[in-house]
PDB file of all heavy atoms in Angstrom:
ATOM      1  N   ALA A   1      35.540  57.777 -54.642  1.00  0.00           N
ATOM      2  CA  ALA A   1      36.800  57.962 -54.123  1.00  0.00           C
ATOM      3  C   ALA A   1      36.795  58.336 -52.628  1.00  0.00           C
ATOM      4  O   ALA A   1      37.588  57.850 -51.829  1.00  0.00           O
ATOM      5  CB  ALA A   1      37.640  58.976 -54.907  1.00  0.00           C
ATOM      6  N   ILE A   2      35.894  59.218 -52.277  1.00  0.00           N
ATOM      7  CA  ILE A   2      35.831  59.640 -50.807  1.00  0.00           C
ATOM      8  C   ILE A   2      35.182  58.550 -50.015  1.00  0.00           C
ATOM      9  O   ILE A   2      35.667  58.332 -48.866  1.00  0.00           O
ATOM     10  CB  ILE A   2      34.959  60.924 -50.767  1.00  0.00           C
ATOM     11  CG1 ILE A   2      35.578  62.103 -51.574  1.00  0.00           C
ATOM     12  CG2 ILE A   2      34.839  61.399 -49.260  1.00  0.00           C
ATOM     13  CD1 ILE A   2      36.985  62.442 -51.321  1.00  0.00           C
ATOM     14  N   ALA A   3      34.257  57.862 -50.563  1.00  0.00           N
ATOM     15  CA  ALA A   3      33.684  56.681 -49.814  1.00  0.00           C
ATOM     16  C   ALA A   3      34.696  55.669 -49.572  1.00  0.00           C
ATOM     17  O   ALA A   3      34.806  55.118 -48.465  1.00  0.00           O
ATOM     18  CB  ALA A   3      32.470  56.172 -50.572  1.00  0.00           C
ATOM     19  N   ASP A   4      35.548  55.422 -50.589  1.00  0.00           N
ATOM     20  CA  ASP A   4      36.646  54.433 -50.361  1.00  0.00           C
ATOM     21  C   ASP A   4      37.634  54.916 -49.357  1.00  0.00           C
ATOM     22  O   ASP A   4      38.076  54.139 -48.515  1.00  0.00           O
ATOM     23  CB  ASP A   4      37.337  54.215 -51.706  1.00  0.00           C
ATOM     24  CG  ASP A   4      36.544  53.334 -52.681  1.00  0.00           C
ATOM     25  OD1 ASP A   4      35.678  52.632 -52.234  1.00  0.00           O
ATOM     26  OD2 ASP A   4      36.867  53.401 -53.906  1.00  0.00           O
ATOM     27  N   THR A   5      37.891  56.169 -49.315  1.00  0.00           N
ATOM     28  CA  THR A   5      38.849  56.723 -48.356  1.00  0.00           C
ATOM     29  C   THR A   5      38.332  56.568 -46.903  1.00  0.00           C
ATOM     30  O   THR A   5      39.054  56.201 -46.040  1.00  0.00           O
ATOM     31  CB  THR A   5      39.186  58.216 -48.643  1.00  0.00           C
ATOM     32  OG1 THR A   5      39.569  58.394 -50.006  1.00  0.00           O
ATOM     33  CG2 THR A   5      40.209  58.729 -47.737  1.00  0.00           C
ATOM     34  N   LEU A   6      37.113  56.860 -46.759  1.00  0.00           N
ATOM     35  CA  LEU A   6      36.425  56.636 -45.448  1.00  0.00           C
ATOM     36  C   LEU A   6      36.424  55.151 -45.080  1.00  0.00           C
ATOM     37  O   LEU A   6      36.817  54.813 -43.919  1.00  0.00           O
ATOM     38  CB  LEU A   6      34.951  57.137 -45.503  1.00  0.00           C
ATOM     39  CG  LEU A   6      34.771  58.598 -45.227  1.00  0.00           C
ATOM     40  CD1 LEU A   6      33.418  59.117 -45.706  1.00  0.00           C
ATOM     41  CD2 LEU A   6      34.891  58.926 -43.755  1.00  0.00           C
ATOM     42  N   ALA A   7      36.002  54.273 -45.964  1.00  0.00           N
ATOM     43  CA  ALA A   7      35.922  52.834 -45.659  1.00  0.00           C
ATOM     44  C   ALA A   7      37.320  52.237 -45.375  1.00  0.00           C
ATOM     45  O   ALA A   7      37.494  51.509 -44.351  1.00  0.00           O
ATOM     46  CB  ALA A   7      35.257  52.083 -46.789  1.00  0.00           C
ATOM     47  N   TRP A   8      38.258  52.556 -46.142  1.00  0.00           N
ATOM     48  CA  TRP A   8      39.617  52.003 -46.003  1.00  0.00           C
ATOM     49  C   TRP A   8      40.255  52.563 -44.757  1.00  0.00           C
ATOM     50  O   TRP A   8      41.061  51.883 -44.112  1.00  0.00           O
ATOM     51  CB  TRP A   8      40.438  52.275 -47.201  1.00  0.00           C
ATOM     52  CG  TRP A   8      39.993  51.587 -48.485  1.00  0.00           C
ATOM     53  CD1 TRP A   8      39.142  50.481 -48.565  1.00  0.00           C
ATOM     54  CD2 TRP A   8      40.185  51.976 -49.795  1.00  0.00           C
ATOM     55  NE1 TRP A   8      38.807  50.173 -49.840  1.00  0.00           N
ATOM     56  CE2 TRP A   8      39.449  51.022 -50.619  1.00  0.00           C
ATOM     57  CE3 TRP A   8      40.887  52.987 -50.429  1.00  0.00           C
ATOM     58  CZ2 TRP A   8      39.521  51.134 -52.079  1.00  0.00           C
ATOM     59  CZ3 TRP A   8      40.947  53.084 -51.778  1.00  0.00           C
ATOM     60  CH2 TRP A   8      40.246  52.170 -52.602  1.00  0.00           C
ATOM     61  N   SER A   9      39.923  53.803 -44.441  1.00  0.00           N
ATOM     62  CA  SER A   9      40.506  54.448 -43.213  1.00  0.00           C
ATOM     63  C   SER A   9      39.958  53.724 -41.950  1.00  0.00           C
ATOM     64  O   SER A   9      40.672  53.651 -40.896  1.00  0.00           O
ATOM     65  CB  SER A   9      40.192  55.954 -43.183  1.00  0.00           C
ATOM     66  OG  SER A   9      40.932  56.545 -44.257  1.00  0.00           O
ATOM     67  N   ARG A  10      38.748  53.289 -42.063  1.00  0.00           N
ATOM     68  CA  ARG A  10      38.219  52.515 -40.857  1.00  0.00           C
ATOM     69  C   ARG A  10      38.834  51.204 -40.709  1.00  0.00           C
ATOM     70  O   ARG A  10      39.021  50.641 -39.612  1.00  0.00           O
ATOM     71  CB  ARG A  10      36.632  52.402 -41.060  1.00  0.00           C
ATOM     72  CG  ARG A  10      35.904  53.759 -41.009  1.00  0.00           C
ATOM     73  CD  ARG A  10      34.385  53.535 -40.996  1.00  0.00           C
ATOM     74  NE  ARG A  10      33.687  54.772 -41.078  1.00  0.00           N
ATOM     75  CZ  ARG A  10      33.013  55.205 -42.121  1.00  0.00           C
ATOM     76  NH1 ARG A  10      33.013  54.410 -43.239  1.00  0.00           N
ATOM     77  NH2 ARG A  10      32.361  56.318 -42.088  1.00  0.00           N
ATOM     78  N   GLU A  11      39.205  50.564 -41.900  1.00  0.00           N
ATOM     79  CA  GLU A  11      39.795  49.259 -41.859  1.00  0.00           C
ATOM     80  C   GLU A  11      41.191  49.342 -41.357  1.00  0.00           C
ATOM     81  O   GLU A  11      41.695  48.414 -40.606  1.00  0.00           O
ATOM     82  CB  GLU A  11      39.813  48.670 -43.321  1.00  0.00           C
ATOM     83  CG  GLU A  11      38.480  48.293 -43.868  1.00  0.00           C
ATOM     84  CD  GLU A  11      38.495  47.857 -45.311  1.00  0.00           C
ATOM     85  OE1 GLU A  11      39.673  47.546 -45.760  1.00  0.00           O
ATOM     86  OE2 GLU A  11      37.481  47.883 -45.974  1.00  0.00           O
ATOM     87  N   THR A  12      42.001  50.397 -41.675  1.00  0.00           N
ATOM     88  CA  THR A  12      43.351  50.535 -41.192  1.00  0.00           C
ATOM     89  C   THR A  12      43.521  51.894 -40.551  1.00  0.00           C
ATOM     90  O   THR A  12      44.203  52.807 -41.138  1.00  0.00           O
ATOM     91  CB  THR A  12      44.322  50.398 -42.345  1.00  0.00           C
ATOM     92  OG1 THR A  12      44.013  51.325 -43.393  1.00  0.00           O
ATOM     93  CG2 THR A  12      44.288  48.934 -42.898  1.00  0.00           C
ATOM     94  N   PRO A  13      42.904  52.133 -39.454  1.00  0.00           N
ATOM     95  CA  PRO A  13      42.875  53.533 -38.843  1.00  0.00           C
ATOM     96  C   PRO A  13      44.300  54.107 -38.470  1.00  0.00           C
ATOM     97  O   PRO A  13      44.414  55.268 -38.414  1.00  0.00           O
ATOM     98  CB  PRO A  13      42.018  53.345 -37.594  1.00  0.00           C
ATOM     99  CG  PRO A  13      42.097  51.909 -37.239  1.00  0.00           C
ATOM    100  CD  PRO A  13      42.175  51.177 -38.543  1.00  0.00           C
ATOM    101  N   GLY A  14      45.250  53.190 -38.268  1.00  0.00           N
ATOM    102  CA  GLY A  14      46.535  53.674 -37.912  1.00  0.00           C
ATOM    103  C   GLY A  14      47.540  53.642 -39.084  1.00  0.00           C
ATOM    104  O   GLY A  14      48.748  53.860 -38.881  1.00  0.00           O
ATOM    105  N   ASP A  15      47.058  53.406 -40.305  1.00  0.00           N
ATOM    106  CA  ASP A  15      48.005  53.268 -41.445  1.00  0.00           C
ATOM    107  C   ASP A  15      47.466  54.020 -42.640  1.00  0.00           C
ATOM    108  O   ASP A  15      46.846  53.417 -43.532  1.00  0.00           O
ATOM    109  CB  ASP A  15      48.172  51.809 -41.717  1.00  0.00           C
ATOM    110  CG  ASP A  15      49.297  51.477 -42.717  1.00  0.00           C
ATOM    111  OD1 ASP A  15      49.916  52.458 -43.250  1.00  0.00           O
ATOM    112  OD2 ASP A  15      49.572  50.320 -42.969  1.00  0.00           O
ATOM    113  N   TRP A  16      47.746  55.339 -42.658  1.00  0.00           N
ATOM    114  CA  TRP A  16      47.283  56.140 -43.814  1.00  0.00           C
ATOM    115  C   TRP A  16      47.976  55.730 -45.111  1.00  0.00           C
ATOM    116  O   TRP A  16      47.401  55.859 -46.197  1.00  0.00           O
ATOM    117  CB  TRP A  16      47.416  57.602 -43.537  1.00  0.00           C
ATOM    118  CG  TRP A  16      48.786  58.124 -43.446  1.00  0.00           C
ATOM    119  CD1 TRP A  16      49.553  58.346 -42.308  1.00  0.00           C
ATOM    120  CD2 TRP A  16      49.663  58.576 -44.565  1.00  0.00           C
ATOM    121  NE1 TRP A  16      50.773  58.795 -42.665  1.00  0.00           N
ATOM    122  CE2 TRP A  16      50.880  58.976 -44.011  1.00  0.00           C
ATOM    123  CE3 TRP A  16      49.422  58.656 -45.915  1.00  0.00           C
ATOM    124  CZ2 TRP A  16      51.928  59.473 -44.756  1.00  0.00           C
ATOM    125  CZ3 TRP A  16      50.483  59.161 -46.748  1.00  0.00           C
ATOM    126  CH2 TRP A  16      51.725  59.534 -46.151  1.00  0.00           C
ATOM    127  N   ARG A  17      49.210  55.219 -44.944  1.00  0.00           N
ATOM    128  CA  ARG A  17      49.977  54.819 -46.186  1.00  0.00           C
ATOM    129  C   ARG A  17      49.280  53.671 -46.922  1.00  0.00           C
ATOM    130  O   ARG A  17      49.316  53.621 -48.182  1.00  0.00           O
ATOM    131  CB  ARG A  17      51.400  54.485 -45.823  1.00  0.00           C
ATOM    132  CG  ARG A  17      52.287  55.660 -45.454  1.00  0.00           C
ATOM    133  CD  ARG A  17      53.653  55.185 -44.987  1.00  0.00           C
ATOM    134  NE  ARG A  17      54.579  56.331 -44.981  1.00  0.00           N
ATOM    135  CZ  ARG A  17      54.615  57.187 -43.949  1.00  0.00           C
ATOM    136  NH1 ARG A  17      53.855  57.063 -42.976  1.00  0.00           N
ATOM    137  NH2 ARG A  17      55.528  58.207 -43.970  1.00  0.00           N
ATOM    138  N   ALA A  18      48.653  52.739 -46.152  1.00  0.00           N
ATOM    139  CA  ALA A  18      47.945  51.673 -46.776  1.00  0.00           C
ATOM    140  C   ALA A  18      46.755  52.236 -47.496  1.00  0.00           C
ATOM    141  O   ALA A  18      46.459  51.639 -48.696  1.00  0.00           O
ATOM    142  CB  ALA A  18      47.461  50.623 -45.678  1.00  0.00           C
ATOM    143  N   VAL A  19      46.082  53.143 -47.068  1.00  0.00           N
ATOM    144  CA  VAL A  19      44.903  53.802 -47.763  1.00  0.00           C
ATOM    145  C   VAL A  19      45.458  54.491 -48.943  1.00  0.00           C
ATOM    146  O   VAL A  19      44.800  54.403 -50.038  1.00  0.00           O
ATOM    147  CB  VAL A  19      44.198  54.743 -46.757  1.00  0.00           C
ATOM    148  CG1 VAL A  19      42.965  55.392 -47.510  1.00  0.00           C
ATOM    149  CG2 VAL A  19      43.688  54.091 -45.567  1.00  0.00           C
ATOM    150  N   TRP A  20      46.533  55.227 -48.875  1.00  0.00           N
ATOM    151  CA  TRP A  20      47.130  55.944 -49.942  1.00  0.00           C
ATOM    152  C   TRP A  20      47.444  54.970 -51.147  1.00  0.00           C
ATOM    153  O   TRP A  20      47.092  55.265 -52.294  1.00  0.00           O
ATOM    154  CB  TRP A  20      48.407  56.646 -49.536  1.00  0.00           C
ATOM    155  CG  TRP A  20      49.053  57.387 -50.624  1.00  0.00           C
ATOM    156  CD1 TRP A  20      48.953  58.782 -50.845  1.00  0.00           C
ATOM    157  CD2 TRP A  20      49.972  56.974 -51.651  1.00  0.00           C
ATOM    158  NE1 TRP A  20      49.688  59.184 -51.986  1.00  0.00           N
ATOM    159  CE2 TRP A  20      50.331  58.091 -52.435  1.00  0.00           C
ATOM    160  CE3 TRP A  20      50.521  55.685 -51.950  1.00  0.00           C
ATOM    161  CZ2 TRP A  20      51.190  57.934 -53.522  1.00  0.00           C
ATOM    162  CZ3 TRP A  20      51.422  55.586 -52.976  1.00  0.00           C
ATOM    163  CH2 TRP A  20      51.723  56.700 -53.715  1.00  0.00           C
ATOM    164  N   LYS A  21      47.996  53.847 -50.752  1.00  0.00           N
ATOM    165  CA  LYS A  21      48.343  52.845 -51.797  1.00  0.00           C
ATOM    166  C   LYS A  21      47.073  52.350 -52.552  1.00  0.00           C
ATOM    167  O   LYS A  21      47.050  52.199 -53.716  1.00  0.00           O
ATOM    168  CB  LYS A  21      49.051  51.673 -51.125  1.00  0.00           C
ATOM    169  CG  LYS A  21      49.569  50.622 -52.232  1.00  0.00           C
ATOM    170  CD  LYS A  21      50.361  49.509 -51.510  1.00  0.00           C
ATOM    171  CE  LYS A  21      50.782  48.518 -52.601  1.00  0.00           C
ATOM    172  NZ  LYS A  21      51.594  47.446 -51.999  1.00  0.00           N
ATOM    173  N   ARG A  22      46.012  52.083 -51.814  1.00  0.00           N
ATOM    174  CA  ARG A  22      44.777  51.624 -52.405  1.00  0.00           C
ATOM    175  C   ARG A  22      44.090  52.716 -53.280  1.00  0.00           C
ATOM    176  O   ARG A  22      43.564  52.445 -54.336  1.00  0.00           O
ATOM    177  CB  ARG A  22      43.760  51.125 -51.318  1.00  0.00           C
ATOM    178  CG  ARG A  22      44.308  49.911 -50.591  1.00  0.00           C
ATOM    179  CD  ARG A  22      43.363  49.445 -49.446  1.00  0.00           C
ATOM    180  NE  ARG A  22      42.183  48.812 -49.975  1.00  0.00           N
ATOM    181  CZ  ARG A  22      41.306  48.159 -49.183  1.00  0.00           C
ATOM    182  NH1 ARG A  22      41.417  48.203 -47.880  1.00  0.00           N
ATOM    183  NH2 ARG A  22      40.199  47.631 -49.775  1.00  0.00           N
ATOM    184  N   LEU A  23      44.210  53.979 -52.824  1.00  0.00           N
ATOM    185  CA  LEU A  23      43.739  55.072 -53.674  1.00  0.00           C
ATOM    186  C   LEU A  23      44.505  55.159 -55.000  1.00  0.00           C
ATOM    187  O   LEU A  23      43.906  55.348 -56.033  1.00  0.00           O
ATOM    188  CB  LEU A  23      43.858  56.402 -52.943  1.00  0.00           C
ATOM    189  CG  LEU A  23      42.851  56.625 -51.819  1.00  0.00           C
ATOM    190  CD1 LEU A  23      43.310  57.866 -50.981  1.00  0.00           C
ATOM    191  CD2 LEU A  23      41.427  56.874 -52.376  1.00  0.00           C
ATOM    192  N   GLU A  24      45.830  54.994 -54.869  1.00  0.00           N
ATOM    193  CA  GLU A  24      46.688  55.026 -56.083  1.00  0.00           C
ATOM    194  C   GLU A  24      46.325  53.890 -57.063  1.00  0.00           C
ATOM    195  O   GLU A  24      46.179  54.134 -58.263  1.00  0.00           O
ATOM    196  CB  GLU A  24      48.089  54.822 -55.660  1.00  0.00           C
ATOM    197  CG  GLU A  24      49.118  54.824 -56.742  1.00  0.00           C
ATOM    198  CD  GLU A  24      49.380  56.236 -57.333  1.00  0.00           C
ATOM    199  OE1 GLU A  24      48.937  57.234 -56.699  1.00  0.00           O
ATOM    200  OE2 GLU A  24      49.908  56.324 -58.439  1.00  0.00           O
TER     201      GLU A  24
END
């Protein structure tokens, strides 16, 4: 889960909501 959060945050550095949705 943390690795995904890091990777997805690099993919969309300005959009935390997009990362939140993928975590969900």
